[in-house]
Amino acid sequence: MNAKPLNSKQLLMEVSDFSFAFEEESPILNQLNFSLFSGECCLVAGASGSGKSTLALCLNGLYPDTVEGETKGNISCRSQNIADFPQGKLSQSVGVVFQDPESQFCMMKVEDELAFVLENQQAPRERMQEAIHSVLKETGMLDQKHALIHELSGGQKQKIALASVLLMEPDLLILDEATANLDPMSSFEFTRLIQQVRQKRNCAVLVIEHQPDDWMDIVERVLVIGKEGTLLADDSPDNIYGAGRPLLIKEGIHIPLSYQEDRNVHKNPPQMHGEKLITLQNVSFSRKNKSILQNINVTFHRGEFIAIVGENGAGKSTLLQLLARLLTPESGNVKLDGIPLQDWTERELRRISGYVFQNPEHQFITDTLYDEVAFGMKLNGEKEIDAKVQELLTAFQLEQFADANPFAISGGQKRRLSVATMLDDTPDILFFDEPTFGQDAKTTKELMRLITELREQGTTIIFVTHDMELVDEYCERVLLLLEGKTAFDGSPEELWSRKSLLQKARLRLPYSMRKERAYGIVN
């Protein structure tokens, strides 16, 4: 059911025949025409690389001002061409919260960060404390006024990023994958906070999100951007996800679970697993005198499909890096095939394992996508690699970018490339840190198909994720970390039955389970 608009419509922004392209490249956005109205909540849906984030940066004037790009057509805000706004003024009317809040911070402490925003607006000093107090209260962060930003959780950092934008009192608030890095409960809480902000301030909200399930209660309208950067549809959620479903499937766009009557479950049945592959005994790890993991004891077997879950800051990525010897335990030991991990040579370890980072750019080392995929094959002395490289690039919809620089493609494309580089062989074990982050529905499905095939060939799959739907569909075992300790190790079905543990770990049930319990189908 569609959300209702907060008030009568007043034109806020108008996009007319608008196109954007980087110099000497094909348009990323192509002949867009749409309007945004005060107080409405609009979702922008589109496949990876369709130009959604580029649209956000064009709407608030960062593009083309900060890049070598060219625009055609017009964008107006309250009937004024945005090109005519004085420098810095448009960003006060159109605020953006990005998926990585730390990219927006300039200061060490919360109070100083917010004061910095006000100083840039030349706000009277006598008003600053009142404004800071008010916005921290509005975002539920008043108790963190004097906190160091780097010590906050992911959800808290995102709220401070939001508070910074709200201090500019924007007419339009753009949220570009703002919940992508948050644990399930933090994501849900953030969407509820945005609704409260919208109701209080009557600002328009533009949500850019691959998996918009938590937003559907407040979204009134959906804009569908095609792979060529064109506007394919502009309608209510019911119409877009109803009659428009074939178009979304063709474009590889995620259909919210609330609009899916039947859900296909791809989970493999439990298998008899081989011998122990990795064993952790009393493993602890600290960073800058802060304990991250404490006395972890766990064993992983050959052929398992395992998810590591937990709230932001629980130690999930740290554990994954310890398993891959990217970090060294402070105490305890890690063994691979019964041999201490530190006794393996680097070449041996990389031959039998692969690691996909949460930030894909951390693993790029060449100048083209082709060379990036081919690098590991060449290192292993493989021959006739061209066909295999082309196959992987095609499987991840990257073949047209074979000669492009890995750092110049979209965020979703970078994620696909980072995964493709690890699939050049059939390793004994693969580590994934948020493998489907930033991916559209089509690419997620293809990625999970490839990972499942590797698992069926005997590869152990261990991945960190915030996506409980993914866990429910594909995994047979879940390791839950809570405050740096192992709080649960068992099947997803058993975890879903632990209501108090889920609440404590800030996890939410998969949508199908929430729906069943709402209708009294299960206890």
Protein backbone atom coordinates (compact mmCIF):
# COMPACT_ATOMS: atom_id res chain seq x y z
CA MET A 1 0.00 0.00 0.00
CA ASN A 2 1.35 3.41 -0.94
CA ALA A 3 2.22 6.04 1.66
CA LYS A 4 0.20 9.26 1.59
CA PRO A 5 1.82 12.62 0.82
CA LEU A 6 2.23 14.93 3.80
CA ASN A 7 0.68 17.97 2.18
CA SER A 8 -0.60 19.47 -1.04
CA LYS A 9 2.05 19.43 -3.73
CA GLN A 10 4.28 22.46 -4.22
CA LEU A 11 6.88 22.25 -6.97
CA LEU A 12 10.39 22.03 -5.50
CA MET A 13 12.70 20.84 -8.27
CA GLU A 14 12.18 20.37 -11.98
CA VAL A 15 14.48 18.32 -14.21
CA SER A 16 14.01 19.10 -17.92
CA ASP A 17 15.70 17.21 -20.78
CA PHE A 18 18.71 16.78 -18.53
CA SER A 19 21.78 14.80 -19.57
CA PHE A 20 25.22 14.40 -18.01
CA ALA A 21 28.42 12.87 -19.37
CA PHE A 22 32.05 12.90 -18.35
CA GLU A 23 34.26 14.49 -20.98
CA GLU A 24 34.55 12.43 -24.18
CA GLU A 25 32.31 9.66 -22.79
CA SER A 26 28.77 8.49 -23.46
CA PRO A 27 26.02 10.08 -21.32
CA ILE A 28 25.49 8.58 -17.89
CA LEU A 29 22.16 10.40 -17.55
CA ASN A 30 20.14 10.79 -20.72
CA GLN A 31 17.24 13.18 -21.39
CA LEU A 32 15.66 12.99 -17.90
CA ASN A 33 12.34 14.72 -17.27
CA PHE A 34 10.65 14.71 -13.84
CA SER A 35 9.61 16.97 -10.98
CA LEU A 36 10.00 16.74 -7.21
CA PHE A 37 7.49 18.25 -4.79
CA SER A 38 7.76 19.56 -1.24
CA GLY A 39 7.23 16.94 1.44
CA GLU A 40 7.10 13.89 -0.81
CA CYS A 41 9.22 10.74 -0.45
CA CYS A 42 10.47 9.39 -3.74
CA LEU A 43 12.55 6.28 -4.42
CA VAL A 44 15.06 6.11 -7.28
CA ALA A 45 15.43 2.51 -8.50
CA GLY A 46 17.87 1.27 -11.10
CA ALA A 47 20.47 -1.33 -11.91
CA SER A 48 24.10 -0.88 -10.83
CA GLY A 49 25.79 1.70 -13.05
CA SER A 50 22.56 3.31 -14.24
CA GLY A 51 23.56 6.75 -12.90
CA LYS A 52 21.57 6.98 -9.65
CA SER A 53 24.43 8.43 -7.58
CA THR A 54 25.39 10.70 -10.47
CA LEU A 55 21.84 12.05 -10.42
CA ALA A 56 22.16 12.86 -6.71
CA LEU A 57 25.39 14.77 -7.30
CA CYS A 58 23.84 16.69 -10.21
CA LEU A 59 20.80 17.66 -8.14
CA ASN A 60 22.92 19.26 -5.42
CA GLY A 61 25.39 20.87 -7.82
CA LEU A 62 28.53 18.88 -7.06
CA TYR A 63 28.40 17.66 -10.67
CA PRO A 64 29.56 19.17 -12.97
CA ASP A 65 31.28 21.77 -10.71
CA THR A 66 33.81 19.34 -9.19
CA VAL A 67 34.48 17.07 -12.21
CA GLU A 68 35.27 17.35 -15.88
CA GLY A 69 31.76 16.78 -17.15
CA GLU A 70 29.20 18.23 -19.49
CA THR A 71 25.48 18.80 -18.96
CA LYS A 72 22.59 19.45 -21.29
CA GLY A 73 19.11 20.55 -20.35
CA ASN A 74 18.13 22.18 -17.09
CA ILE A 75 17.59 21.57 -13.37
CA SER A 76 15.73 24.20 -11.38
CA CYS A 77 15.14 24.55 -7.64
CA ARG A 78 12.15 26.66 -6.66
CA SER A 79 12.00 27.97 -10.24
CA GLN A 80 15.66 29.09 -10.25
CA ASN A 81 18.21 27.38 -12.50
CA ILE A 82 20.68 25.67 -10.18
CA ALA A 83 23.56 26.96 -12.32
CA ASP A 84 22.60 30.46 -11.15
CA PHE A 85 22.88 29.66 -7.43
CA PRO A 86 25.84 31.34 -5.66
CA GLN A 87 28.63 28.86 -4.89
CA GLY A 88 27.75 26.70 -1.89
CA LYS A 89 24.13 27.88 -1.68
CA LEU A 90 22.53 24.97 -3.54
CA SER A 91 24.01 22.41 -1.14
CA GLN A 92 22.08 24.16 1.63
CA SER A 93 18.81 23.56 -0.23
CA VAL A 94 19.71 20.06 -1.42
CA GLY A 95 21.50 17.97 1.20
CA VAL A 96 23.03 14.53 0.56
CA VAL A 97 23.76 11.74 3.03
CA PHE A 98 26.10 9.15 1.48
CA GLN A 99 26.56 5.45 2.26
CA ASP A 100 29.93 6.14 3.93
CA PRO A 101 29.33 8.79 6.61
CA GLU A 102 33.05 9.12 7.35
CA SER A 103 33.55 10.63 3.89
CA GLN A 104 31.53 13.63 5.09
CA PHE A 105 33.35 14.30 8.38
CA CYS A 106 36.08 16.91 8.86
CA MET A 107 36.46 17.02 12.65
CA MET A 108 37.28 14.56 15.43
CA LYS A 109 34.38 15.24 17.83
CA VAL A 110 30.62 15.32 17.24
CA GLU A 111 30.13 18.83 18.62
CA ASP A 112 33.05 20.21 16.59
CA GLU A 113 31.74 18.59 13.40
CA LEU A 114 28.35 20.23 13.78
CA ALA A 115 29.90 23.57 14.76
CA PHE A 116 32.04 23.39 11.61
CA VAL A 117 28.89 23.15 9.47
CA LEU A 118 27.38 26.19 11.19
CA GLU A 119 30.60 28.19 10.87
CA ASN A 120 30.60 27.56 7.12
CA GLN A 121 27.07 29.00 7.05
CA GLN A 122 28.31 32.02 9.03
CA ALA A 123 25.75 31.31 11.73
CA PRO A 124 25.89 33.67 14.75
CA ARG A 125 28.02 32.07 17.45
CA GLU A 126 25.36 32.68 20.11
CA ARG A 127 22.94 30.45 18.14
CA MET A 128 25.34 27.56 17.59
CA GLN A 129 24.87 25.70 20.87
CA GLU A 130 21.10 25.94 20.61
CA ALA A 131 21.16 24.62 17.02
CA ILE A 132 23.54 21.78 17.90
CA HIS A 133 21.45 20.77 20.90
CA SER A 134 18.26 20.82 18.84
CA VAL A 135 19.55 18.72 15.93
CA LEU A 136 21.20 16.15 18.23
CA LYS A 137 17.93 15.80 20.13
CA GLU A 138 16.03 15.41 16.84
CA THR A 139 18.34 12.60 15.69
CA GLY A 140 18.48 10.88 19.07
CA MET A 141 22.19 11.63 19.54
CA LEU A 142 22.16 14.19 22.34
CA ASP A 143 24.05 11.87 24.68
CA GLN A 144 26.91 11.69 22.14
CA LYS A 145 27.47 15.43 21.88
CA HIS A 146 31.04 15.25 23.23
CA ALA A 147 31.92 11.83 21.74
CA LEU A 148 34.79 11.10 19.37
CA ILE A 149 33.28 10.29 15.97
CA HIS A 150 35.59 7.34 15.30
CA GLU A 151 34.32 5.62 18.47
CA LEU A 152 30.67 5.72 17.35
CA SER A 153 28.87 2.75 15.79
CA GLY A 154 27.98 2.76 12.10
CA GLY A 155 24.40 3.71 12.84
CA GLN A 156 25.47 6.55 15.13
CA LYS A 157 27.90 7.91 12.54
CA GLN A 158 25.12 7.95 9.96
CA LYS A 159 22.90 9.90 12.35
CA ILE A 160 25.66 12.48 12.85
CA ALA A 161 26.04 12.76 9.06
CA LEU A 162 22.30 13.33 8.88
CA ALA A 163 22.46 15.91 11.67
CA SER A 164 25.17 17.79 9.76
CA VAL A 165 22.95 17.99 6.70
CA LEU A 166 19.86 18.96 8.69
CA LEU A 167 21.69 21.95 10.15
CA MET A 168 21.55 23.45 6.65
CA GLU A 169 17.73 23.08 6.71
CA PRO A 170 17.49 21.52 3.23
CA ASP A 171 14.31 21.53 1.17
CA LEU A 172 15.39 18.21 -0.37
CA LEU A 173 17.16 15.45 1.53
CA ILE A 174 18.89 12.88 -0.70
CA LEU A 175 19.86 9.54 0.85
CA ASP A 176 22.34 7.71 -1.40
CA GLU A 177 22.47 4.09 -0.14
CA ALA A 178 22.53 5.65 3.34
CA THR A 179 21.65 2.38 5.12
CA ALA A 180 23.85 0.06 3.04
CA ASN A 181 26.57 -0.29 5.69
CA LEU A 182 24.23 -0.58 8.67
CA ASP A 183 23.17 -3.66 10.59
CA PRO A 184 19.49 -4.63 10.12
CA MET A 185 18.11 -2.87 13.20
CA SER A 186 20.18 0.29 12.65
CA SER A 187 18.89 0.39 9.08
CA PHE A 188 15.28 0.07 10.23
CA GLU A 189 15.74 2.73 12.91
CA PHE A 190 17.32 5.11 10.40
CA THR A 191 14.35 4.86 8.03
CA ARG A 192 11.96 5.58 10.90
CA LEU A 193 14.08 8.59 11.89
CA ILE A 194 13.91 9.93 8.33
CA GLN A 195 10.13 9.71 8.42
CA GLN A 196 10.05 11.69 11.67
CA VAL A 197 12.38 14.31 10.17
CA ARG A 198 10.22 14.54 7.05
CA GLN A 199 7.03 15.00 9.04
CA LYS A 200 8.59 17.66 11.27
CA ARG A 201 10.36 19.66 8.56
CA ASN A 202 8.12 18.96 5.54
CA CYS A 203 11.24 18.41 3.44
CA ALA A 204 11.19 16.20 0.36
CA VAL A 205 13.16 12.95 0.58
CA LEU A 206 14.82 11.22 -2.37
CA VAL A 207 15.94 7.68 -1.54
CA ILE A 208 18.51 5.89 -3.70
CA GLU A 209 18.57 2.25 -2.65
CA HIS A 210 19.06 -1.16 -4.24
CA GLN A 211 17.09 -2.98 -1.53
CA PRO A 212 14.39 -0.54 -0.43
CA ASP A 213 12.35 -2.93 1.74
CA ASP A 214 12.66 -0.84 4.93
CA TRP A 215 11.62 2.29 3.03
CA MET A 216 8.42 1.04 1.45
CA ASP A 217 6.16 2.22 4.30
CA ILE A 218 7.02 5.85 3.53
CA VAL A 219 7.73 5.86 -0.23
CA GLU A 220 4.95 7.50 -2.29
CA ARG A 221 6.54 7.40 -5.71
CA VAL A 222 9.20 5.48 -7.64
CA LEU A 223 11.46 6.70 -10.44
CA VAL A 224 12.99 3.88 -12.50
CA ILE A 225 16.31 4.71 -14.20
CA GLY A 226 17.34 2.42 -17.05
CA LYS A 227 20.82 1.11 -17.83
CA GLU A 228 21.27 3.82 -20.47
CA GLY A 229 20.50 6.55 -17.95
CA THR A 230 16.98 7.19 -19.21
CA LEU A 231 13.82 7.51 -17.12
CA LEU A 232 11.81 4.34 -17.78
CA ALA A 233 8.94 4.89 -15.35
CA ASP A 234 7.56 7.37 -12.81
CA ASP A 235 4.60 6.07 -10.83
CA SER A 236 3.27 4.86 -7.48
CA PRO A 237 4.95 1.84 -5.81
CA ASP A 238 1.82 -0.27 -6.37
CA ASN A 239 1.91 0.39 -10.11
CA ILE A 240 5.68 0.09 -10.46
CA TYR A 241 5.92 -3.19 -8.54
CA GLY A 242 2.62 -4.48 -9.90
CA ALA A 243 2.07 -3.89 -13.61
CA GLY A 244 5.66 -2.70 -13.97
CA ARG A 245 7.20 -5.90 -12.60
CA PRO A 246 8.30 -7.31 -16.04
CA LEU A 247 10.27 -4.11 -16.69
CA LEU A 248 12.01 -4.35 -13.31
CA ILE A 249 12.93 -7.98 -13.86
CA LYS A 250 14.34 -7.15 -17.29
CA GLU A 251 16.42 -4.32 -15.82
CA GLY A 252 17.60 -6.45 -12.89
CA ILE A 253 16.01 -4.19 -10.28
CA HIS A 254 15.16 -5.51 -6.82
CA ILE A 255 11.45 -6.03 -6.12
CA PRO A 256 10.67 -5.33 -2.45
CA LEU A 257 9.79 -8.46 -0.52
CA SER A 258 6.43 -6.97 0.47
CA TYR A 259 5.50 -7.13 -3.23
CA GLN A 260 6.69 -10.72 -3.69
CA GLU A 261 3.93 -13.25 -3.12
CA ASP A 262 6.15 -16.29 -3.50
CA ARG A 263 9.80 -16.38 -2.63
CA ASN A 264 12.13 -18.94 -4.11
CA VAL A 265 14.50 -20.45 -1.58
CA HIS A 266 17.82 -21.55 -3.04
CA LYS A 267 19.26 -23.07 0.10
CA ASN A 268 21.08 -26.31 -0.44
CA PRO A 269 20.12 -29.18 1.87
CA PRO A 270 22.61 -29.85 4.68
CA GLN A 271 25.52 -31.95 3.49
CA MET A 272 27.99 -34.26 5.12
CA HIS A 273 31.10 -32.14 5.32
CA GLY A 274 34.70 -33.18 5.01
CA GLU A 275 37.48 -32.82 7.49
CA LYS A 276 38.21 -29.74 9.54
CA LEU A 277 39.57 -26.95 7.37
CA ILE A 278 40.12 -23.97 9.69
CA THR A 279 40.25 -24.08 13.47
CA LEU A 280 40.42 -21.10 15.83
CA GLN A 281 41.49 -21.74 19.42
CA ASN A 282 41.10 -19.01 22.07
CA VAL A 283 41.65 -16.28 19.46
CA SER A 284 41.58 -12.68 20.68
CA PHE A 285 42.36 -9.45 18.90
CA SER A 286 42.63 -5.80 20.00
CA ARG A 287 43.19 -2.55 18.16
CA LYS A 288 44.60 0.54 19.91
CA ASN A 289 43.98 -1.06 23.32
CA LYS A 290 40.35 -1.73 22.43
CA SER A 291 39.25 -5.35 22.54
CA ILE A 292 37.61 -6.43 19.24
CA LEU A 293 37.42 -10.24 19.61
CA GLN A 294 37.66 -12.31 22.77
CA ASN A 295 38.45 -16.03 23.08
CA ILE A 296 36.92 -17.17 19.80
CA ASN A 297 36.74 -20.95 19.45
CA VAL A 298 35.22 -22.21 16.21
CA THR A 299 35.87 -24.80 13.50
CA PHE A 300 35.01 -24.56 9.80
CA HIS A 301 34.73 -27.70 7.64
CA ARG A 302 35.24 -28.28 3.94
CA GLY A 303 32.20 -27.54 1.81
CA GLU A 304 30.30 -25.45 4.36
CA PHE A 305 28.32 -22.33 3.45
CA ILE A 306 28.61 -20.06 6.51
CA ALA A 307 27.49 -16.51 7.29
CA ILE A 308 29.08 -14.34 9.96
CA VAL A 309 26.52 -11.84 11.27
CA GLY A 310 26.19 -9.26 14.02
CA GLU A 311 25.64 -5.56 14.59
CA ASN A 312 28.04 -2.86 13.44
CA GLY A 313 31.28 -3.10 15.42
CA ALA A 314 30.77 -6.71 16.54
CA GLY A 315 34.07 -7.82 14.97
CA LYS A 316 32.80 -9.59 11.83
CA SER A 317 35.28 -8.17 9.33
CA THR A 318 38.10 -8.53 11.85
CA LEU A 319 37.33 -12.24 12.25
CA LEU A 320 37.26 -12.72 8.48
CA GLN A 321 40.64 -11.03 8.13
CA LEU A 322 42.10 -13.22 10.87
CA LEU A 323 40.88 -16.31 9.00
CA ALA A 324 42.62 -15.10 5.84
CA ARG A 325 45.83 -14.07 7.67
CA LEU A 326 45.34 -10.45 6.79
CA LEU A 327 45.56 -9.83 10.54
CA THR A 328 47.51 -11.68 13.25
CA PRO A 329 45.80 -12.74 16.50
CA GLU A 330 46.85 -11.05 19.70
CA SER A 331 46.56 -14.42 21.40
CA GLY A 332 45.41 -17.92 20.50
CA ASN A 333 46.05 -19.64 17.20
CA VAL A 334 44.49 -20.25 13.80
CA LYS A 335 45.17 -23.50 11.91
CA LEU A 336 44.51 -24.33 8.27
CA ASP A 337 44.49 -28.07 7.48
CA GLY A 338 45.99 -28.63 10.91
CA ILE A 339 48.98 -26.38 10.18
CA PRO A 340 49.40 -23.04 11.99
CA LEU A 341 48.36 -20.29 9.60
CA GLN A 342 51.63 -18.43 10.04
CA ASP A 343 53.57 -21.47 8.73
CA TRP A 344 51.93 -21.32 5.31
CA THR A 345 53.85 -19.45 2.61
CA GLU A 346 52.11 -16.50 1.02
CA ARG A 347 52.06 -18.25 -2.37
CA GLU A 348 50.51 -21.43 -0.92
CA LEU A 349 47.87 -19.48 0.97
CA ARG A 350 46.83 -17.37 -2.00
CA ARG A 351 46.70 -20.45 -4.24
CA ILE A 352 44.03 -22.16 -2.15
CA SER A 353 42.04 -19.16 -0.90
CA GLY A 354 40.53 -15.88 -2.07
CA TYR A 355 39.34 -12.78 -0.24
CA VAL A 356 36.80 -10.18 -1.41
CA PHE A 357 37.09 -6.95 0.59
CA GLN A 358 34.22 -4.82 1.83
CA ASN A 359 35.80 -1.91 -0.05
CA PRO A 360 36.58 -3.32 -3.52
CA GLU A 361 39.18 -0.64 -4.29
CA HIS A 362 41.44 -2.18 -1.65
CA GLN A 363 42.22 -5.09 -3.96
CA PHE A 364 42.73 -3.35 -7.33
CA ILE A 365 46.34 -3.34 -8.56
CA THR A 366 46.22 -2.96 -12.37
CA ASP A 367 45.08 -0.35 -14.89
CA THR A 368 42.26 -2.22 -16.66
CA LEU A 369 39.44 -4.57 -15.74
CA TYR A 370 40.85 -7.20 -18.11
CA ASP A 371 44.26 -7.15 -16.42
CA GLU A 372 42.66 -7.18 -12.99
CA VAL A 373 40.80 -10.43 -13.72
CA ALA A 374 43.80 -11.94 -15.53
CA PHE A 375 46.34 -11.05 -12.83
CA GLY A 376 45.83 -14.09 -10.63
CA MET A 377 45.75 -16.44 -13.61
CA LYS A 378 49.09 -15.10 -14.85
CA LEU A 379 50.55 -15.36 -11.36
CA ASN A 380 49.58 -19.04 -11.23
CA GLY A 381 51.14 -19.67 -14.63
CA GLU A 382 47.88 -20.49 -16.38
CA LYS A 383 47.74 -20.60 -20.18
CA GLU A 384 44.99 -19.61 -22.61
CA ILE A 385 43.50 -17.22 -20.09
CA ASP A 386 41.73 -14.93 -22.55
CA ALA A 387 38.60 -17.06 -22.84
CA LYS A 388 38.32 -17.40 -19.07
CA VAL A 389 38.76 -13.65 -18.54
CA GLN A 390 36.10 -12.87 -21.13
CA GLU A 391 33.75 -15.42 -19.56
CA LEU A 392 34.08 -13.84 -16.12
CA LEU A 393 33.70 -10.28 -17.42
CA THR A 394 30.56 -11.33 -19.30
CA ALA A 395 29.12 -13.19 -16.30
CA PHE A 396 29.39 -9.99 -14.24
CA GLN A 397 28.18 -7.67 -17.03
CA LEU A 398 31.57 -5.98 -17.30
CA GLU A 399 32.66 -7.00 -20.80
CA GLN A 400 32.09 -3.51 -22.24
CA PHE A 401 34.48 -2.06 -19.62
CA ALA A 402 37.35 -4.49 -20.25
CA ASP A 403 39.78 -1.66 -21.09
CA ALA A 404 38.48 0.78 -18.45
CA ASN A 405 40.36 1.69 -15.27
CA PRO A 406 38.95 -0.20 -12.25
CA PHE A 407 38.80 3.03 -10.25
CA ALA A 408 36.71 4.79 -12.92
CA ILE A 409 33.64 2.50 -12.94
CA SER A 410 30.59 2.71 -10.67
CA GLY A 411 30.51 1.40 -7.11
CA GLY A 412 28.36 -1.58 -8.04
CA GLN A 413 30.63 -2.42 -10.97
CA LYS A 414 33.69 -2.24 -8.71
CA ARG A 415 32.06 -4.77 -6.37
CA ARG A 416 31.36 -7.14 -9.27
CA LEU A 417 34.95 -6.82 -10.47
CA SER A 418 36.33 -7.55 -6.99
CA VAL A 419 34.35 -10.79 -6.90
CA ALA A 420 35.28 -11.77 -10.47
CA THR A 421 38.99 -11.54 -9.65
CA MET A 422 38.56 -14.25 -7.03
CA LEU A 423 36.70 -16.71 -9.25
CA ASP A 424 39.44 -17.57 -11.72
CA ASP A 425 39.82 -21.04 -10.21
CA THR A 426 38.14 -23.36 -7.72
CA PRO A 427 39.86 -22.49 -4.42
CA ASP A 428 39.53 -24.48 -1.23
CA ILE A 429 38.08 -21.52 0.60
CA LEU A 430 36.61 -18.13 -0.29
CA PHE A 431 36.10 -15.22 2.11
CA PHE A 432 33.55 -12.53 1.23
CA ASP A 433 32.98 -9.29 3.15
CA GLU A 434 29.48 -8.08 2.15
CA PRO A 435 29.60 -9.71 -1.33
CA THR A 436 26.22 -8.40 -2.53
CA PHE A 437 26.62 -4.88 -1.16
CA GLY A 438 25.51 -2.28 -3.75
CA GLN A 439 24.32 -4.87 -6.26
CA ASP A 440 21.08 -4.94 -8.20
CA ALA A 441 18.80 -7.98 -8.14
CA LYS A 442 20.09 -9.54 -11.36
CA THR A 443 23.75 -9.32 -10.37
CA THR A 444 23.05 -10.58 -6.84
CA LYS A 445 21.26 -13.62 -8.24
CA GLU A 446 24.09 -14.36 -10.69
CA LEU A 447 26.74 -13.88 -8.02
CA MET A 448 25.03 -16.21 -5.59
CA ARG A 449 24.58 -18.79 -8.37
CA LEU A 450 28.33 -18.74 -9.05
CA ILE A 451 29.16 -18.94 -5.35
CA THR A 452 26.73 -21.84 -4.90
CA GLU A 453 28.33 -23.70 -7.81
CA LEU A 454 31.76 -23.30 -6.19
CA ARG A 455 30.38 -24.60 -2.93
CA GLU A 456 28.93 -27.64 -4.72
CA GLN A 457 32.44 -28.32 -6.06
CA GLY A 458 33.76 -28.41 -2.50
CA THR A 459 34.79 -24.81 -1.84
CA THR A 460 34.12 -23.57 1.68
CA ILE A 461 32.24 -20.26 1.60
CA ILE A 462 32.54 -17.90 4.58
CA PHE A 463 30.98 -14.47 4.24
CA VAL A 464 30.06 -11.47 6.34
CA THR A 465 26.66 -9.95 5.65
CA HIS A 466 23.90 -7.75 7.05
CA ASP A 467 21.39 -9.29 4.65
CA MET A 468 19.25 -11.74 6.61
CA GLU A 469 17.34 -12.68 3.44
CA LEU A 470 20.61 -13.91 1.96
CA VAL A 471 21.37 -15.88 5.11
CA ASP A 472 17.92 -17.46 5.12
CA GLU A 473 18.04 -18.41 1.43
CA TYR A 474 21.55 -19.76 1.05
CA CYS A 475 23.29 -20.58 4.32
CA GLU A 476 23.15 -23.72 6.39
CA ARG A 477 25.17 -22.31 9.28
CA VAL A 478 25.35 -18.91 10.99
CA LEU A 479 28.00 -17.58 13.34
CA LEU A 480 26.69 -14.64 15.38
CA LEU A 481 29.17 -12.28 17.03
CA LEU A 482 28.04 -10.12 19.92
CA GLU A 483 30.40 -7.70 21.68
CA GLY A 484 33.40 -9.56 20.28
CA LYS A 485 32.30 -13.01 21.41
CA THR A 486 30.57 -15.96 19.75
CA ALA A 487 26.93 -15.71 20.82
CA PHE A 488 25.48 -18.33 18.46
CA ASP A 489 26.74 -21.04 16.10
CA GLY A 490 24.05 -23.08 14.37
CA SER A 491 21.41 -23.17 11.65
CA PRO A 492 19.51 -20.06 10.47
CA GLU A 493 16.23 -21.72 11.47
CA GLU A 494 17.42 -22.07 15.05
CA LEU A 495 18.68 -18.47 15.14
CA TRP A 496 15.31 -17.14 13.93
CA SER A 497 13.69 -18.82 16.94
CA ARG A 498 15.94 -16.92 19.42
CA LYS A 499 13.90 -13.73 19.71
CA SER A 500 15.75 -12.21 22.66
CA LEU A 501 19.14 -12.94 21.09
CA LEU A 502 18.08 -11.35 17.81
CA GLN A 503 16.99 -8.23 19.65
CA LYS A 504 20.21 -8.06 21.64
CA ALA A 505 22.29 -8.46 18.48
CA ARG A 506 20.17 -5.87 16.61
CA LEU A 507 19.18 -8.33 13.90
CA ARG A 508 15.79 -8.52 12.20
CA LEU A 509 14.02 -11.64 11.03
CA PRO A 510 13.91 -12.24 7.27
CA TYR A 511 10.81 -10.69 5.74
CA SER A 512 9.09 -14.05 5.17
CA MET A 513 9.50 -14.93 8.85
CA ARG A 514 8.21 -11.53 10.01
CA LYS A 515 5.19 -11.96 7.73
CA GLU A 516 4.47 -15.47 9.00
CA ARG A 517 4.65 -14.37 12.63
CA ALA A 518 2.46 -11.33 11.93
CA TYR A 519 -0.22 -13.67 10.60
CA GLY A 520 0.27 -16.20 13.39
CA ILE A 521 1.58 -18.93 11.10
CA VAL A 522 4.52 -19.70 13.39
CA ASN A 523 5.25 -19.05 17.02
